[in-house]
Amino acid sequence: MNAQRHRAKAQRIERSLAKCRADDYEIVIDGAMLAATHWINAAFHIADLTDDDSDVVHAYFETAFDRQHFGLVAGAEFLDGLEEIETLRPLHARGNVAGGEAAAKRCLDILQAIREKALALSPEPAAEN
Protein backbone atom coordinates (compact mmCIF):
# COMPACT_ATOMS: atom_id res chain seq x y z
CA MET A 1 0.00 0.00 0.00
CA ASN A 2 1.36 3.44 -0.82
CA ALA A 3 1.76 6.43 1.50
CA GLN A 4 -1.39 8.19 0.27
CA ARG A 5 -3.60 5.15 0.94
CA HIS A 6 -2.09 4.73 4.41
CA ARG A 7 -2.77 8.39 5.13
CA ALA A 8 -6.37 8.13 3.92
CA LYS A 9 -6.99 5.04 6.06
CA ALA A 10 -5.47 6.70 9.13
CA GLN A 11 -7.65 9.75 8.65
CA ARG A 12 -10.77 7.63 8.18
CA ILE A 13 -10.05 5.69 11.37
CA GLU A 14 -9.48 8.95 13.24
CA ARG A 15 -12.85 10.30 12.05
CA SER A 16 -14.45 7.18 13.49
CA LEU A 17 -12.51 7.54 16.76
CA ALA A 18 -13.85 11.08 17.15
CA LYS A 19 -17.35 9.57 17.50
CA CYS A 20 -16.37 7.36 20.45
CA ARG A 21 -17.20 8.10 24.07
CA ALA A 22 -14.90 7.70 27.06
CA ASP A 23 -16.41 4.31 27.90
CA ASP A 24 -15.59 3.05 24.40
CA TYR A 25 -11.97 2.72 25.47
CA GLU A 26 -11.51 -0.75 23.91
CA ILE A 27 -12.44 0.58 20.47
CA VAL A 28 -10.35 3.70 20.99
CA ILE A 29 -7.25 1.69 21.90
CA ASP A 30 -7.67 -0.66 18.93
CA GLY A 31 -8.42 2.22 16.58
CA ALA A 32 -5.47 4.25 17.82
CA MET A 33 -3.20 1.28 17.17
CA LEU A 34 -4.52 0.87 13.62
CA ALA A 35 -4.39 4.57 12.78
CA ALA A 36 -0.88 4.91 14.25
CA THR A 37 0.28 1.97 12.15
CA HIS A 38 -1.05 3.62 8.99
CA TRP A 39 0.60 6.96 9.85
CA ILE A 40 3.90 5.17 10.52
CA ASN A 41 3.74 3.33 7.21
CA ALA A 42 2.89 6.53 5.35
CA ALA A 43 5.86 8.29 6.92
CA PHE A 44 8.24 5.39 6.31
CA HIS A 45 7.21 5.16 2.66
CA ILE A 46 7.66 8.93 2.20
CA ALA A 47 11.11 8.74 3.83
CA ASP A 48 11.99 5.76 1.60
CA LEU A 49 12.56 3.59 4.66
CA THR A 50 10.16 0.95 3.38
CA ASP A 51 8.76 0.01 -0.01
CA ASP A 52 5.05 0.20 -0.76
CA ASP A 53 4.86 -3.59 -0.49
CA SER A 54 6.65 -3.69 2.87
CA ASP A 55 4.60 -2.38 5.78
CA VAL A 56 5.22 -2.25 9.51
CA VAL A 57 2.48 -4.27 11.19
CA HIS A 58 3.59 -4.36 14.83
CA ALA A 59 6.55 -2.71 16.52
CA TYR A 60 7.60 -6.03 18.02
CA PHE A 61 7.93 -7.61 14.56
CA GLU A 62 10.73 -5.23 13.62
CA THR A 63 14.33 -6.34 14.11
CA ALA A 64 16.64 -4.44 16.42
CA PHE A 65 18.55 -3.24 13.36
CA ASP A 66 15.40 -1.95 11.65
CA ARG A 67 14.21 -0.23 14.83
CA GLN A 68 17.55 1.51 15.17
CA HIS A 69 17.66 2.45 11.48
CA PHE A 70 14.07 3.75 11.45
CA GLY A 71 14.71 5.65 14.67
CA LEU A 72 17.85 7.32 13.39
CA VAL A 73 16.23 8.38 10.12
CA ALA A 74 12.62 9.13 11.10
CA GLY A 75 12.74 9.34 14.88
CA ALA A 76 12.23 6.85 17.67
CA GLU A 77 8.76 8.27 18.42
CA PHE A 78 7.14 6.18 15.71
CA LEU A 79 7.91 2.63 16.82
CA ASP A 80 8.27 3.56 20.50
CA GLY A 81 4.79 5.08 20.43
CA LEU A 82 3.31 2.11 18.61
CA GLU A 83 4.98 -0.23 21.08
CA GLU A 84 3.43 1.64 24.01
CA ILE A 85 -0.04 1.34 22.46
CA GLU A 86 0.59 -2.36 21.79
CA THR A 87 1.57 -2.81 25.44
CA LEU A 88 -1.62 -1.13 26.70
CA ARG A 89 -3.90 -2.97 24.28
CA PRO A 90 -3.98 -6.48 25.79
CA LEU A 91 -4.46 -5.09 29.29
CA HIS A 92 -7.45 -2.90 28.47
CA ALA A 93 -8.91 -3.96 25.12
CA ARG A 94 -8.51 -7.69 25.69
CA GLY A 95 -8.17 -7.83 29.47
CA ASN A 96 -9.94 -6.48 32.49
CA VAL A 97 -7.30 -4.21 34.00
CA ALA A 98 -8.70 -1.03 35.56
CA GLY A 99 -7.93 2.32 33.96
CA GLY A 100 -9.16 1.70 30.44
CA GLU A 101 -10.34 5.27 29.92
CA ALA A 102 -6.95 6.68 30.97
CA ALA A 103 -5.19 4.16 28.73
CA ALA A 104 -7.39 5.20 25.80
CA LYS A 105 -6.54 8.86 26.40
CA ARG A 106 -2.83 7.97 26.47
CA CYS A 107 -3.23 6.07 23.19
CA LEU A 108 -4.92 9.09 21.60
CA ASP A 109 -2.08 11.32 22.81
CA ILE A 110 0.46 8.94 21.27
CA LEU A 111 -1.56 8.81 18.05
CA GLN A 112 -1.58 12.60 17.89
CA ALA A 113 2.20 12.74 18.29
CA ILE A 114 2.69 10.09 15.60
CA ARG A 115 0.30 11.91 13.23
CA GLU A 116 2.06 15.24 13.78
CA LYS A 117 5.46 13.67 13.15
CA ALA A 118 4.19 11.90 10.01
CA LEU A 119 2.64 15.10 8.68
CA ALA A 120 5.86 16.98 9.35
CA LEU A 121 7.62 14.51 7.04
CA SER A 122 4.89 14.84 4.42
CA PRO A 123 2.55 17.81 4.79
CA GLU A 124 -0.87 17.62 3.17
CA PRO A 125 -0.97 18.89 -0.38
CA ALA A 126 -2.49 22.33 -0.78
CA ALA A 127 -6.16 22.35 -1.67
CA GLU A 128 -6.94 23.30 -5.21
CA ASN A 129 -9.29 26.26 -5.75
C-alpha atoms as a PDB file:
ATOM      1  CA  MET A   1       0.000   0.000   0.000  1.00  0.00           C
ATOM      2  CA  ASN A   2       1.363   3.445  -0.823  1.00  0.00           C
ATOM      3  CA  ALA A   3       1.756   6.430   1.499  1.00  0.00           C
ATOM      4  CA  GLN A   4      -1.390   8.186   0.270  1.00  0.00           C
ATOM      5  CA  ARG A   5      -3.598   5.153   0.944  1.00  0.00           C
ATOM      6  CA  HIS A   6      -2.092   4.729   4.414  1.00  0.00           C
ATOM      7  CA  ARG A   7      -2.774   8.392   5.132  1.00  0.00           C
ATOM      8  CA  ALA A   8      -6.372   8.130   3.915  1.00  0.00           C
ATOM      9  CA  LYS A   9      -6.988   5.039   6.055  1.00  0.00           C
ATOM     10  CA  ALA A  10      -5.471   6.702   9.132  1.00  0.00           C
ATOM     11  CA  GLN A  11      -7.652   9.755   8.647  1.00  0.00           C
ATOM     12  CA  ARG A  12     -10.768   7.634   8.178  1.00  0.00           C
ATOM     13  CA  ILE A  13     -10.052   5.691  11.375  1.00  0.00           C
ATOM     14  CA  GLU A  14      -9.476   8.954  13.239  1.00  0.00           C
ATOM     15  CA  ARG A  15     -12.847  10.302  12.047  1.00  0.00           C
ATOM     16  CA  SER A  16     -14.449   7.177  13.494  1.00  0.00           C
ATOM     17  CA  LEU A  17     -12.514   7.539  16.763  1.00  0.00           C
ATOM     18  CA  ALA A  18     -13.849  11.076  17.153  1.00  0.00           C
ATOM     19  CA  LYS A  19     -17.346   9.571  17.500  1.00  0.00           C
ATOM     20  CA  CYS A  20     -16.369   7.360  20.446  1.00  0.00           C
ATOM     21  CA  ARG A  21     -17.201   8.095  24.071  1.00  0.00           C
ATOM     22  CA  ALA A  22     -14.896   7.698  27.056  1.00  0.00           C
ATOM     23  CA  ASP A  23     -16.410   4.313  27.903  1.00  0.00           C
ATOM     24  CA  ASP A  24     -15.594   3.052  24.396  1.00  0.00           C
ATOM     25  CA  TYR A  25     -11.972   2.716  25.468  1.00  0.00           C
ATOM     26  CA  GLU A  26     -11.509  -0.748  23.909  1.00  0.00           C
ATOM     27  CA  ILE A  27     -12.445   0.584  20.474  1.00  0.00           C
ATOM     28  CA  VAL A  28     -10.346   3.700  20.994  1.00  0.00           C
ATOM     29  CA  ILE A  29      -7.253   1.688  21.897  1.00  0.00           C
ATOM     30  CA  ASP A  30      -7.672  -0.664  18.927  1.00  0.00           C
ATOM     31  CA  GLY A  31      -8.420   2.220  16.579  1.00  0.00           C
ATOM     32  CA  ALA A  32      -5.466   4.251  17.823  1.00  0.00           C
ATOM     33  CA  MET A  33      -3.196   1.283  17.167  1.00  0.00           C
ATOM     34  CA  LEU A  34      -4.522   0.865  13.623  1.00  0.00           C
ATOM     35  CA  ALA A  35      -4.385   4.570  12.784  1.00  0.00           C
ATOM     36  CA  ALA A  36      -0.884   4.909  14.246  1.00  0.00           C
ATOM     37  CA  THR A  37       0.284   1.968  12.151  1.00  0.00           C
ATOM     38  CA  HIS A  38      -1.045   3.624   8.992  1.00  0.00           C
ATOM     39  CA  TRP A  39       0.604   6.955   9.845  1.00  0.00           C
ATOM     40  CA  ILE A  40       3.900   5.172  10.517  1.00  0.00           C
ATOM     41  CA  ASN A  41       3.744   3.329   7.205  1.00  0.00           C
ATOM     42  CA  ALA A  42       2.892   6.531   5.345  1.00  0.00           C
ATOM     43  CA  ALA A  43       5.863   8.289   6.925  1.00  0.00           C
ATOM     44  CA  PHE A  44       8.241   5.393   6.314  1.00  0.00           C
ATOM     45  CA  HIS A  45       7.208   5.161   2.660  1.00  0.00           C
ATOM     46  CA  ILE A  46       7.656   8.932   2.201  1.00  0.00           C
ATOM     47  CA  ALA A  47      11.106   8.743   3.826  1.00  0.00           C
ATOM     48  CA  ASP A  48      11.989   5.764   1.599  1.00  0.00           C
ATOM     49  CA  LEU A  49      12.563   3.590   4.658  1.00  0.00           C
ATOM     50  CA  THR A  50      10.157   0.952   3.379  1.00  0.00           C
ATOM     51  CA  ASP A  51       8.758   0.013  -0.009  1.00  0.00           C
ATOM     52  CA  ASP A  52       5.048   0.200  -0.764  1.00  0.00           C
ATOM     53  CA  ASP A  53       4.855  -3.586  -0.490  1.00  0.00           C
ATOM     54  CA  SER A  54       6.650  -3.694   2.870  1.00  0.00           C
ATOM     55  CA  ASP A  55       4.597  -2.377   5.777  1.00  0.00           C
ATOM     56  CA  VAL A  56       5.216  -2.250   9.509  1.00  0.00           C
ATOM     57  CA  VAL A  57       2.476  -4.273  11.190  1.00  0.00           C
ATOM     58  CA  HIS A  58       3.591  -4.355  14.833  1.00  0.00           C
ATOM     59  CA  ALA A  59       6.554  -2.707  16.521  1.00  0.00           C
ATOM     60  CA  TYR A  60       7.603  -6.030  18.019  1.00  0.00           C
ATOM     61  CA  PHE A  61       7.928  -7.614  14.559  1.00  0.00           C
ATOM     62  CA  GLU A  62      10.735  -5.233  13.624  1.00  0.00           C
ATOM     63  CA  THR A  63      14.326  -6.336  14.108  1.00  0.00           C
ATOM     64  CA  ALA A  64      16.635  -4.442  16.422  1.00  0.00           C
ATOM     65  CA  PHE A  65      18.553  -3.244  13.362  1.00  0.00           C
ATOM     66  CA  ASP A  66      15.397  -1.951  11.647  1.00  0.00           C
ATOM     67  CA  ARG A  67      14.208  -0.226  14.832  1.00  0.00           C
ATOM     68  CA  GLN A  68      17.550   1.505  15.174  1.00  0.00           C
ATOM     69  CA  HIS A  69      17.665   2.452  11.484  1.00  0.00           C
ATOM     70  CA  PHE A  70      14.067   3.746  11.454  1.00  0.00           C
ATOM     71  CA  GLY A  71      14.709   5.651  14.672  1.00  0.00           C
ATOM     72  CA  LEU A  72      17.851   7.320  13.388  1.00  0.00           C
ATOM     73  CA  VAL A  73      16.231   8.384  10.120  1.00  0.00           C
ATOM     74  CA  ALA A  74      12.618   9.133  11.097  1.00  0.00           C
ATOM     75  CA  GLY A  75      12.742   9.337  14.881  1.00  0.00           C
ATOM     76  CA  ALA A  76      12.229   6.852  17.669  1.00  0.00           C
ATOM     77  CA  GLU A  77       8.762   8.267  18.418  1.00  0.00           C
ATOM     78  CA  PHE A  78       7.142   6.176  15.714  1.00  0.00           C
ATOM     79  CA  LEU A  79       7.908   2.635  16.820  1.00  0.00           C
ATOM     80  CA  ASP A  80       8.270   3.562  20.497  1.00  0.00           C
ATOM     81  CA  GLY A  81       4.790   5.080  20.427  1.00  0.00           C
ATOM     82  CA  LEU A  82       3.306   2.112  18.608  1.00  0.00           C
ATOM     83  CA  GLU A  83       4.982  -0.227  21.075  1.00  0.00           C
ATOM     84  CA  GLU A  84       3.428   1.635  24.005  1.00  0.00           C
ATOM     85  CA  ILE A  85      -0.044   1.342  22.458  1.00  0.00           C
ATOM     86  CA  GLU A  86       0.587  -2.356  21.788  1.00  0.00           C
ATOM     87  CA  THR A  87       1.571  -2.805  25.439  1.00  0.00           C
ATOM     88  CA  LEU A  88      -1.619  -1.132  26.698  1.00  0.00           C
ATOM     89  CA  ARG A  89      -3.895  -2.973  24.279  1.00  0.00           C
ATOM     90  CA  PRO A  90      -3.980  -6.485  25.794  1.00  0.00           C
ATOM     91  CA  LEU A  91      -4.458  -5.090  29.293  1.00  0.00           C
ATOM     92  CA  HIS A  92      -7.445  -2.901  28.467  1.00  0.00           C
ATOM     93  CA  ALA A  93      -8.905  -3.962  25.119  1.00  0.00           C
ATOM     94  CA  ARG A  94      -8.509  -7.694  25.690  1.00  0.00           C
ATOM     95  CA  GLY A  95      -8.175  -7.833  29.469  1.00  0.00           C
ATOM     96  CA  ASN A  96      -9.938  -6.477  32.492  1.00  0.00           C
ATOM     97  CA  VAL A  97      -7.304  -4.211  34.005  1.00  0.00           C
ATOM     98  CA  ALA A  98      -8.701  -1.027  35.564  1.00  0.00           C
ATOM     99  CA  GLY A  99      -7.934   2.324  33.963  1.00  0.00           C
ATOM    100  CA  GLY A 100      -9.162   1.697  30.435  1.00  0.00           C
ATOM    101  CA  GLU A 101     -10.338   5.275  29.921  1.00  0.00           C
ATOM    102  CA  ALA A 102      -6.953   6.680  30.966  1.00  0.00           C
ATOM    103  CA  ALA A 103      -5.188   4.159  28.731  1.00  0.00           C
ATOM    104  CA  ALA A 104      -7.390   5.197  25.801  1.00  0.00           C
ATOM    105  CA  LYS A 105      -6.536   8.856  26.399  1.00  0.00           C
ATOM    106  CA  ARG A 106      -2.832   7.971  26.472  1.00  0.00           C
ATOM    107  CA  CYS A 107      -3.227   6.070  23.189  1.00  0.00           C
ATOM    108  CA  LEU A 108      -4.920   9.087  21.597  1.00  0.00           C
ATOM    109  CA  ASP A 109      -2.078  11.319  22.810  1.00  0.00           C
ATOM    110  CA  ILE A 110       0.461   8.940  21.270  1.00  0.00           C
ATOM    111  CA  LEU A 111      -1.559   8.810  18.047  1.00  0.00           C
ATOM    112  CA  GLN A 112      -1.576  12.602  17.886  1.00  0.00           C
ATOM    113  CA  ALA A 113       2.204  12.736  18.286  1.00  0.00           C
ATOM    114  CA  ILE A 114       2.689  10.086  15.600  1.00  0.00           C
ATOM    115  CA  ARG A 115       0.299  11.906  13.229  1.00  0.00           C
ATOM    116  CA  GLU A 116       2.058  15.238  13.777  1.00  0.00           C
ATOM    117  CA  LYS A 117       5.463  13.666  13.154  1.00  0.00           C
ATOM    118  CA  ALA A 118       4.193  11.903  10.010  1.00  0.00           C
ATOM    119  CA  LEU A 119       2.637  15.104   8.678  1.00  0.00           C
ATOM    120  CA  ALA A 120       5.862  16.983   9.345  1.00  0.00           C
ATOM    121  CA  LEU A 121       7.619  14.510   7.040  1.00  0.00           C
ATOM    122  CA  SER A 122       4.894  14.842   4.423  1.00  0.00           C
ATOM    123  CA  PRO A 123       2.550  17.807   4.789  1.00  0.00           C
ATOM    124  CA  GLU A 124      -0.868  17.619   3.166  1.00  0.00           C
ATOM    125  CA  PRO A 125      -0.970  18.886  -0.384  1.00  0.00           C
ATOM    126  CA  ALA A 126      -2.489  22.326  -0.784  1.00  0.00           C
ATOM    127  CA  ALA A 127      -6.165  22.345  -1.667  1.00  0.00           C
ATOM    128  CA  GLU A 128      -6.944  23.302  -5.214  1.00  0.00           C
ATOM    129  CA  ASN A 129      -9.288  26.265  -5.754  1.00  0.00           C
END
